[in-house]
Structures are given as structure tokens and as C-alpha cells.
């Protein structure tokens, strides 16, 4: 059961976080949500697909890490000699994974005799990456934010801004009839087959056929470039296939 607490440098002065990635630390998931604010980086490494959230039926973007439940083909044995991110074989880690035990929320505060709502950081103290020793410090010994926490703050801001843009982006794509169903058939070297269904993507032909007015509208909002990122990202499915085949060869 998560235990979410407002992060502060007194209550959590000794808080540390394990900076690596592994199945034992909860990173063995086959997909996670992503946001337009990180599409430029995500599309270099992962396939981006769309789906409707089961909670509210709203569209969301997701990245694939594997082809079956609890399969993350980016997880590798931690090796500080070559990995940019310990235990994760990619240059960029999606924000929802990179944030670790932290989340962003809103809190009412008094500023200049006025009540304002400001973003604040929360931490799940039951998260497997939370520790009191052997990790990286969240706060400096004198009480200030550590470089790690500053980086987490940037990640959380990226998520916050991405959530704000999510509905306008998908509304625009639907308005121009750009979203289509996608079915992905995977065949591996050992003859195992996977069929990935239930996702959607951008229709590349309709994207190319947009009117000048539609192109201008989408370009002004940043949604046009994002759509091209989504289309380009599907080439990364082959990267997942290659890694799956490599692991199968090692097992055999």
C-alpha cells in the first residue's frame, strides 16, 4: 500500500533513493505512459502508441518496453563501466519511470496575503527504491536540494506540462481524423509469435494529406511535430524484436 507524504527537508532529511533500474526495484513493466513534452527524446528509443485510459476513456500516449506482461527489454545487468543509466539500456528514460518514488501535487499557500496554489513534490515512502543507506541523497546535509532532487523536479515539471497538453493534442488529432487502429504482428527467430492489439497510432497518409490550414494549426501548437515523432517511433519496434531475439539466442 503506497504511503504518499509531502516531501520536506526535515521529515525526510535522511531519505535516499536507489538510482538504478531492475525488476526487483519495480521496473519490469512492458509499457508506461508518456507525454508530448518528451516525444522528441522518447521517439529515438521506443515505439509510441496511443490507447484510451480505462479510468476515464481519454486518450493517452504509451511507450512499449516489451511484448508480454512484466517484460522490459531495456533492463540489463547494472554495469557502471558503460551504462548511462544503471540497469537501463537506453540514453533516455521516460519521465514516469525516471521519477522513481516521486510525484507532483498541488498545495494551497499564502503568498503576499493571498491564497495561491503551487506545485509540490510528494514521495511514496514504501517505494522499493526508497532507502536510508546505499542510495543517493535527496537533500544535502545542510538541508538544501541535492542535484538528484533538482533533476527529479525537472522530470516532474515535464510530466505536469505534458498532462496539461494531453487533451488538446488528442482533440486536435481527432478533429483532423488522424488517429487509426494499429495491429502489430511480431515473429521471432524461434517461431514464437506475438500480436499487439488494442492500440492506435497516427495515420501517416492522412498526416501527409493535411490541408495547409490544418498544417498551420497543428504546427503552431506543436502537435504536428509530435505526430511525426509518433510515426517515426514505430521503427523502434524492430529494436525490441532484435533484443528479444538476442536474449532468446543467449538462452538457447
Protein backbone atom coordinates (compact mmCIF):
# COMPACT_ATOMS: atom_id res chain seq x y z
CA UNK A 1 0.00 0.00 0.00
CA UNK A 2 1.64 3.30 -1.06
CA UNK A 3 2.31 5.83 1.66
CA UNK A 4 2.39 9.24 0.00
CA UNK A 5 3.92 12.08 2.00
CA UNK A 6 4.66 15.73 1.26
CA UNK A 7 8.43 15.91 0.78
CA UNK A 8 10.31 18.22 3.15
CA UNK A 9 13.91 18.51 4.26
CA UNK A 10 13.18 17.90 7.95
CA UNK A 11 10.97 14.82 7.87
CA UNK A 12 12.97 13.31 5.02
CA UNK A 13 16.44 14.67 5.77
CA UNK A 14 17.98 11.18 5.61
CA UNK A 15 15.96 9.98 2.63
CA UNK A 16 17.92 8.27 -0.12
CA UNK A 17 16.86 6.75 -3.43
CA UNK A 18 18.45 3.83 -5.25
CA UNK A 19 19.37 5.29 -8.67
CA UNK A 20 19.49 2.04 -10.64
CA UNK A 21 16.81 0.09 -12.52
CA UNK A 22 15.88 -3.57 -12.14
CA UNK A 23 12.97 -5.99 -11.91
CA UNK A 24 13.47 -6.13 -8.16
CA UNK A 25 13.01 -2.37 -7.96
CA UNK A 26 9.70 -2.49 -9.83
CA UNK A 27 10.89 -1.61 -13.34
CA UNK A 28 9.83 -4.87 -15.04
CA UNK A 29 6.84 -3.41 -16.89
CA UNK A 30 6.03 -3.77 -20.56
CA UNK A 31 4.77 -0.20 -21.10
CA UNK A 32 4.14 3.13 -19.46
CA UNK A 33 2.51 6.42 -20.35
CA UNK A 34 4.47 9.21 -21.99
CA UNK A 35 3.83 12.85 -22.83
CA UNK A 36 4.26 15.21 -25.76
CA UNK A 37 6.84 17.14 -23.72
CA UNK A 38 9.25 14.21 -24.10
CA UNK A 39 8.29 12.82 -27.52
CA UNK A 40 11.44 14.26 -29.10
CA UNK A 41 13.61 12.08 -26.86
CA UNK A 42 11.29 9.09 -26.50
CA UNK A 43 10.89 8.58 -30.25
CA UNK A 44 14.63 7.98 -30.60
CA UNK A 45 14.45 4.85 -28.43
CA UNK A 46 10.91 3.49 -28.04
CA UNK A 47 7.70 2.87 -30.01
CA UNK A 48 4.98 5.41 -29.12
CA UNK A 49 1.39 4.19 -29.34
CA UNK A 50 -1.99 5.53 -28.24
CA UNK A 51 -4.71 3.94 -26.14
CA UNK A 52 -7.75 5.02 -24.17
CA UNK A 53 -7.28 5.10 -20.41
CA UNK A 54 -9.59 2.58 -18.70
CA UNK A 55 -10.35 5.06 -15.91
CA UNK A 56 -11.87 7.87 -17.97
CA UNK A 57 -11.75 6.85 -21.63
CA UNK A 58 -9.39 9.71 -22.50
CA UNK A 59 -6.59 9.10 -24.97
CA UNK A 60 -3.06 8.71 -23.64
CA UNK A 61 0.29 8.00 -25.26
CA UNK A 62 2.29 4.97 -24.16
CA UNK A 63 5.76 3.59 -24.84
CA UNK A 64 6.46 -0.12 -25.27
CA UNK A 65 9.29 -1.87 -23.43
CA UNK A 66 8.34 -5.45 -24.26
CA UNK A 67 5.80 -7.80 -25.85
CA UNK A 68 4.33 -9.54 -22.79
CA UNK A 69 3.39 -8.76 -19.23
CA UNK A 70 6.29 -7.83 -16.92
CA UNK A 71 8.77 -7.84 -19.83
CA UNK A 72 11.09 -4.86 -20.07
CA UNK A 73 13.70 -5.46 -22.75
CA UNK A 74 15.60 -2.33 -21.73
CA UNK A 75 16.52 -3.75 -18.33
CA UNK A 76 20.07 -5.10 -18.20
CA UNK A 77 22.56 -6.06 -15.52
CA UNK A 78 23.88 -2.83 -13.92
CA UNK A 79 27.37 -2.07 -15.20
CA UNK A 80 28.81 1.33 -14.36
CA UNK A 81 31.55 0.96 -16.96
CA UNK A 82 29.30 1.64 -19.94
CA UNK A 83 25.73 2.44 -18.92
CA UNK A 84 24.44 5.97 -18.83
CA UNK A 85 21.62 4.77 -16.57
CA UNK A 86 22.47 1.84 -14.32
CA UNK A 87 20.43 -1.17 -15.34
CA UNK A 88 18.66 0.51 -18.28
CA UNK A 89 19.99 0.22 -21.83
CA UNK A 90 18.84 3.49 -23.40
CA UNK A 91 20.06 7.07 -23.45
CA UNK A 92 16.69 8.45 -22.32
CA UNK A 93 14.30 7.04 -19.71
CA UNK A 94 10.61 8.06 -19.93
CA UNK A 95 9.67 10.52 -17.22
CA UNK A 96 7.14 8.29 -15.45
CA UNK A 97 9.93 5.74 -14.88
CA UNK A 98 12.67 8.29 -14.19
CA UNK A 99 10.68 10.00 -11.43
CA UNK A 100 11.01 6.92 -9.20
CA UNK A 101 9.06 7.29 -5.94
CA UNK A 102 8.18 10.94 -6.51
CA UNK A 103 5.02 12.63 -7.79
CA UNK A 104 3.81 16.18 -8.18
CA UNK A 105 0.75 17.66 -6.49
CA UNK A 106 -0.83 21.00 -5.70
CA UNK A 107 -0.96 22.78 -2.36
CA UNK A 108 -2.65 25.98 -1.22
CA UNK A 109 -0.25 28.50 0.28
CA UNK A 110 -0.41 32.10 1.48
CA UNK A 111 1.77 34.47 -0.53
CA UNK A 112 1.60 38.24 -0.05
CA UNK A 113 -1.67 37.87 1.89
CA UNK A 114 -3.22 35.92 -0.98
CA UNK A 115 -4.01 32.23 -1.25
CA UNK A 116 -2.28 30.63 -4.22
CA UNK A 117 -1.97 27.07 -5.47
CA UNK A 118 1.61 25.91 -6.01
CA UNK A 119 3.09 22.62 -7.22
CA UNK A 120 4.76 20.49 -4.53
CA UNK A 121 6.65 17.20 -4.54
CA UNK A 122 5.36 14.07 -2.80
CA UNK A 123 7.21 10.84 -2.09
CA UNK A 124 5.95 7.30 -1.68
CA UNK A 125 7.99 6.11 1.30
CA UNK A 126 7.03 2.47 0.62
CA UNK A 127 8.51 2.52 -2.90
CA UNK A 128 11.21 -0.15 -3.40
CA UNK A 129 13.76 2.49 -4.42
CA UNK A 130 13.42 4.43 -1.17
CA UNK A 131 16.17 3.64 1.33
CA UNK A 132 18.10 5.13 4.23
CA UNK A 133 21.51 3.95 3.05
CA UNK A 134 23.21 2.88 -0.15
CA UNK A 135 21.35 5.32 -2.38
CA UNK A 136 21.74 8.94 -3.47
CA UNK A 137 20.78 11.71 -1.08
CA UNK A 138 17.57 13.63 -1.74
CA UNK A 139 18.68 16.55 0.44
CA UNK A 140 22.11 18.00 1.15
CA UNK A 141 23.49 17.73 4.68
CA UNK A 142 22.74 21.42 5.30
CA UNK A 143 19.15 20.97 4.12
CA UNK A 144 19.18 22.19 0.51
CA UNK A 145 18.07 20.19 -2.52
CA UNK A 146 20.59 17.70 -3.87
CA UNK A 147 21.43 17.63 -7.60
CA UNK A 148 19.37 14.43 -7.76
CA UNK A 149 16.26 16.17 -6.39
CA UNK A 150 16.74 19.08 -8.77
CA UNK A 151 16.77 16.59 -11.64
CA UNK A 152 13.62 14.93 -10.32
CA UNK A 153 11.94 18.35 -10.12
CA UNK A 154 12.64 18.86 -13.82
CA UNK A 155 11.20 15.43 -14.62
CA UNK A 156 8.04 16.17 -12.62
CA UNK A 157 7.60 19.53 -14.34
CA UNK A 158 7.85 17.75 -17.70
CA UNK A 159 5.05 15.39 -16.61
CA UNK A 160 2.91 18.26 -15.31
CA UNK A 161 3.25 20.23 -18.55
CA UNK A 162 2.64 17.11 -20.61
CA UNK A 163 -0.57 16.31 -18.74
CA UNK A 164 -1.83 19.83 -19.45
CA UNK A 165 -1.23 19.39 -23.20
CA UNK A 166 -2.56 15.84 -23.45
CA UNK A 167 -6.24 16.53 -24.10
CA UNK A 168 -5.70 19.46 -26.52
CA UNK A 169 -3.29 17.32 -28.53
CA UNK A 170 -5.64 14.36 -28.87
CA UNK A 171 -8.61 16.64 -29.53
CA UNK A 172 -6.65 18.13 -32.44
CA UNK A 173 -5.71 14.71 -33.82
CA UNK A 174 -9.33 13.55 -33.64
CA UNK A 175 -10.57 16.77 -35.24
CA UNK A 176 -8.38 16.04 -38.26
CA UNK A 177 -9.18 12.29 -38.24
CA UNK A 178 -5.53 11.35 -37.78
CA UNK A 179 -5.93 8.51 -35.26
CA UNK A 180 -6.29 4.93 -36.53
CA UNK A 181 -6.22 1.41 -35.07
CA UNK A 182 -2.93 -0.44 -35.33
CA UNK A 183 -2.19 -4.16 -35.08
CA UNK A 184 1.42 -5.29 -34.83
CA UNK A 185 2.46 -8.84 -35.68
CA UNK A 186 5.78 -10.00 -34.25
CA UNK A 187 7.61 -13.14 -35.43
CA UNK A 188 10.75 -14.20 -33.57
CA UNK A 189 13.65 -16.40 -34.65
CA UNK A 190 12.38 -19.31 -32.55
CA UNK A 191 8.99 -19.08 -34.33
CA UNK A 192 7.23 -17.53 -31.32
CA UNK A 193 4.63 -15.01 -32.45
CA UNK A 194 3.03 -12.03 -30.73
CA UNK A 195 0.11 -9.93 -31.88
CA UNK A 196 -0.11 -6.49 -30.29
CA UNK A 197 -3.64 -5.11 -30.45
CA UNK A 198 -5.75 -2.55 -28.66
CA UNK A 199 -3.52 0.38 -29.59
CA UNK A 200 -3.81 3.24 -32.05
CA UNK A 201 -1.37 5.44 -33.93
CA UNK A 202 -1.20 8.34 -36.39
CA UNK A 203 -2.36 7.62 -39.93
CA UNK A 204 0.73 8.65 -41.91
CA UNK A 205 -1.16 9.04 -45.20
CA UNK A 206 -3.73 11.39 -43.70
CA UNK A 207 -0.96 13.32 -41.99
CA UNK A 208 0.75 13.88 -45.34
CA UNK A 209 -2.56 14.90 -46.96
CA UNK A 210 -3.48 17.61 -44.44
CA UNK A 211 -4.51 20.96 -45.86
CA UNK A 212 -2.27 23.99 -45.49
CA UNK A 213 -4.68 25.40 -42.93
CA UNK A 214 -4.63 22.21 -40.85
CA UNK A 215 -0.84 22.02 -41.07
CA UNK A 216 -0.54 25.59 -39.86
CA UNK A 217 -2.90 24.94 -36.95
CA UNK A 218 -1.09 21.81 -35.80
CA UNK A 219 2.33 23.32 -36.33
CA UNK A 220 1.52 26.39 -34.24
CA UNK A 221 0.52 24.22 -31.28
CA UNK A 222 3.49 21.84 -31.62
CA UNK A 223 1.19 18.92 -32.34
CA UNK A 224 2.35 18.49 -35.95
CA UNK A 225 5.92 17.69 -35.00
CA UNK A 226 4.65 15.40 -32.26
CA UNK A 227 2.59 13.47 -34.82
CA UNK A 228 5.67 12.92 -36.97
CA UNK A 229 7.56 11.74 -33.89
CA UNK A 230 4.85 9.14 -33.26
CA UNK A 231 5.02 7.86 -36.84
CA UNK A 232 8.83 7.71 -36.79
CA UNK A 233 8.89 5.94 -33.43
CA UNK A 234 7.25 2.79 -34.80
CA UNK A 235 10.59 1.86 -36.37
CA UNK A 236 11.76 1.12 -32.82
CA UNK A 237 9.56 -1.98 -32.73
CA UNK A 238 12.34 -3.68 -34.67
CA UNK A 239 14.76 -2.72 -31.90
CA UNK A 240 12.58 -4.61 -29.44
CA UNK A 241 12.40 -7.61 -31.79
CA UNK A 242 16.19 -7.64 -32.16
CA UNK A 243 16.71 -7.51 -28.40
CA UNK A 244 14.14 -10.26 -27.80
CA UNK A 245 15.86 -12.45 -30.39
CA UNK A 246 19.27 -11.75 -28.83
CA UNK A 247 18.05 -12.87 -25.42
CA UNK A 248 16.47 -15.98 -26.87
CA UNK A 249 19.78 -16.90 -28.53
CA UNK A 250 21.59 -16.48 -25.21
CA UNK A 251 19.06 -18.76 -23.50
CA UNK A 252 19.38 -21.38 -26.21
